[in-house]
Amino acid sequence: MLKDYLTQKSVAFSEKLVDTDETARTEMMAASNGFLGVPFTIVTLDNGTKENVLGFDKGKLNSLLGIQE
């Protein structure tokens, strides 16, 4: 659902498979304070700060990415 939404909105993203990539899993655990649910999204803003999005939170994603419906 998340990948389809971002693709539909022409938002570039990279996918990391935390179930098969130990480095990605470690990175996610550090960024999320131990949360291992998916989807987990890290949005890097233009100013370099990073925002975490737990689950498919369309409202938060739209706000962070400047997507207007």
Protein backbone atom coordinates (compact mmCIF):
# COMPACT_ATOMS: atom_id res chain seq x y z
CA MET A 1 0.00 0.00 0.00
CA LEU A 2 2.72 2.50 0.98
CA LYS A 3 4.91 1.69 -2.04
CA ASP A 4 1.92 2.01 -4.36
CA TYR A 5 0.96 5.36 -2.82
CA LEU A 6 4.47 6.83 -3.08
CA THR A 7 4.81 5.57 -6.66
CA GLN A 8 1.41 7.06 -7.57
CA LYS A 9 2.53 10.42 -6.13
CA SER A 10 5.91 10.22 -7.96
CA VAL A 11 7.88 10.20 -4.70
CA ALA A 12 11.30 8.57 -4.97
CA PHE A 13 12.08 6.06 -2.22
CA SER A 14 14.39 3.20 -1.40
CA GLU A 15 13.09 0.02 0.14
CA LYS A 16 14.98 -1.98 2.73
CA LEU A 17 13.86 -5.48 3.63
CA VAL A 18 14.42 -5.72 7.36
CA ASP A 19 13.41 -9.38 7.45
CA THR A 20 16.38 -10.38 5.26
CA ASP A 21 18.88 -7.52 5.70
CA GLU A 22 20.48 -7.48 9.15
CA THR A 23 22.09 -4.06 8.59
CA ALA A 24 18.72 -2.56 7.63
CA ARG A 25 17.10 -4.18 10.68
CA THR A 26 19.76 -2.71 13.00
CA GLU A 27 19.34 0.71 11.39
CA MET A 28 15.56 0.54 11.82
CA MET A 29 15.80 -0.51 15.45
CA ALA A 30 18.10 2.43 16.19
CA ALA A 31 15.89 4.95 14.36
CA SER A 32 12.63 3.62 15.81
CA ASN A 33 13.66 2.94 19.41
CA GLY A 34 13.22 -0.80 18.88
CA PHE A 35 10.01 -0.76 16.83
CA LEU A 36 10.07 -3.53 14.22
CA GLY A 37 6.66 -3.15 12.60
CA VAL A 38 6.33 -2.27 8.96
CA PRO A 39 5.92 -0.06 7.17
CA PHE A 40 8.38 2.20 8.91
CA THR A 41 9.42 5.24 6.90
CA ILE A 42 12.22 7.71 7.44
CA VAL A 43 11.67 10.96 5.56
CA THR A 44 14.74 13.14 5.12
CA LEU A 45 13.66 16.76 4.77
CA ASP A 46 15.41 19.39 2.66
CA ASN A 47 17.14 20.79 5.75
CA GLY A 48 18.64 17.37 6.52
CA THR A 49 16.45 16.51 9.50
CA LYS A 50 14.78 13.12 9.57
CA GLU A 51 11.18 12.34 10.51
CA ASN A 52 9.89 8.85 11.29
CA VAL A 53 6.49 7.62 10.17
CA LEU A 54 5.06 4.51 11.82
CA GLY A 55 2.65 2.54 9.69
CA PHE A 56 0.89 3.99 6.66
CA ASP A 57 0.06 7.41 8.09
CA LYS A 58 -1.13 9.13 4.93
CA GLY A 59 -1.79 12.46 6.66
CA LYS A 60 1.71 12.67 8.15
CA LEU A 61 3.33 11.56 4.91
CA ASN A 62 1.39 14.13 2.92
CA SER A 63 2.39 16.83 5.37
CA LEU A 64 6.08 15.91 5.38
CA LEU A 65 6.28 15.44 1.61
CA GLY A 66 4.13 18.42 0.64
CA ILE A 67 1.51 16.26 -1.05
CA GLN A 68 -1.87 17.89 -1.47
CA GLU A 69 -4.93 15.80 -2.25
